[in-house]
Amino acid sequence: MYQRSFCALNALLALNLQSVGAVTQLPKIHATAPPSSLVQQGKWWAQAGNHIVHAPHQNSELSPNIENYYYAYGSHSALTQELQDKRVGGDGRLHIFHLPEGVDSLAEKPTTQAARRDALSALLQLEHKKVLSDAKTFPIYQLSDSYQSGLDAAGKALENQIVQSLDEQTVYDQLVALTKLGDGATMTRSYSNPEATKNTIDFLEKNFKDMGYDICMESRTDGQKSVIAYKPGQTNEDGVVVLGAHYDSRPFEGLAPGAVDNGSGAAAVLSIARAVAQAKLKPRRPIVFAAFAAEEPGLLGSEEFATRLKSSSGGSSFLESHEGDDGVSAVGRLCDGKIAQLLIQQESEASLLQDNTGSRKKRGAKTISHEALVMDEIAWKSTNLKADVVNLESYDWASHVLEHLAQSSTTHNGQDLTITHSSNPFGSDHMSFLTKGFQAVLSIHGDDEAYPYYHSEKDDMLQVNKSLYAKIVKMNAGALVRLAGVV
């Protein structure tokens, strides 16, 4: 009898401890259930993945006001303990937080600018009847009926020539070559391995030079270098078009082939740059091909580049040293005088404005804005998805770049590549541009959170889906030509 009572007491104590540690959740119903009854009761509701959350019951410790709830997207691993304690709903990578004192009440603010699974999208206030994806799949991108590519017949023919040269085997072979790099003993491009990093930089530099591009190195005091290749345009007045991806890989120590993350993106930059060079494209706007350093420790290379790009647009020299948000300044010159002239606007832009849509304007002149296409993790097909899917991730105000990407895919891939769109960006190099008001879009394969070999030594060529990879590369190549224009 004593033994049975003791066991029962232990079970009760364990249950009470679990209750103390548990976070009260918003009530929910399945998404197929009609929310009309909630409306009749005067309750707010929002769809969160496959269910509907709604106003808490009267005796709940949670606030009845929807204004006290915020949502964000990102991996569970990116949640601080404080956010975990305030998470009251969600599905998959979608999180709903109870913040009755607002976002500013958080002791530690989440960041959008970190490696993919270490970052969260911006916290946004929940709204009545808001429909939110679970982030496994996002809504299909809706094409504009009034879209124009901006190219004449000759320009369209040149675009098609460039895209058609990017066949499955060509882009795959470039990726194979990149993933073989390392320190002589181990395949890795980790930023913490000096020898492997040097070999990768040498490889990128040689490839760009062999294509006929002028190149330059963007150096930081920590020794990291982004490799920049550039092609002058007919005019600088509308800003430059950047095609970029980070070249570093993880794990930080040991074997890190990084085929998907992010050999796929870096190799795609090389493949597209080569196709553009071979076609002898003469762009209207300047093109910059950027292989960014040190994305994995916090978007360091792209942040440095975008910071300098913004400063040059304000009239200062692109060669000047600018201190980044992390307090690390670049050493000496970014590049030589040629790229400085390429990126500095021909007119004085001492009075730039930035409106609430993110566009950058000059008083008394048309809108001037640099734009960026960023590729990260574009070669793995999730077993959860039947179709080939690419997600275009950016704020809705990056509509010019979004539309060119989606329309390019329709032209070159037809219905063989499904285009989805997330307007809650985070965790890759596109954030370095978006936070400075530049339109930038990340291309990333669908259901990226499900990739089982993220930052693993098994992130190798066996994980690459050749067909999906080639389709995403073609989409970006076509969009690049349309954004840059053809003379």
Foldseek 3Di string as FASTA:
>chain_A
DVVVVVVVVVVVVVVVVVVVPDAAAFDKDFPVDDCVVCVVVVKFWEAAAGIIGIAHDPPDPADRDLQQKWKKFAAPQQDDPVQVNQFRDHAARITMGGHNPDQVVDPDHFAQWAARRNGMFDIDRDDGHHYDHNQLFFAFDDADPPDDLQADPVLVVLLVQLLVVLALVLLLVLLVVLLCADQVPARFCAPLDVSSVVRNLVVVVVLLVVLPWDWFWFAWPVGWTKIKTKDFAQACQQFEEEEEEESGFFPNDGHTSCSQFPSLRLSLLSSLSSSCSVSVFHFNAMYMYIHFYDSNGTLVRLLQQLVLLLVLQQPDFSQDWDQGPVRIITPGGRGDPVVRVRRRHPDHQNDWDADPLLWIPGPPDDTHAYEYEYEGRQFADDPVDPAWEKEKEAACSLVLLVNLLVVQLCVVVNPRYGYRYDNRHGRGSQVSNSVNSHRYIYIHTRSVVPPPQGSHSPSDPVRGDSVRSSSSSSSVSRSNCSVRDGD
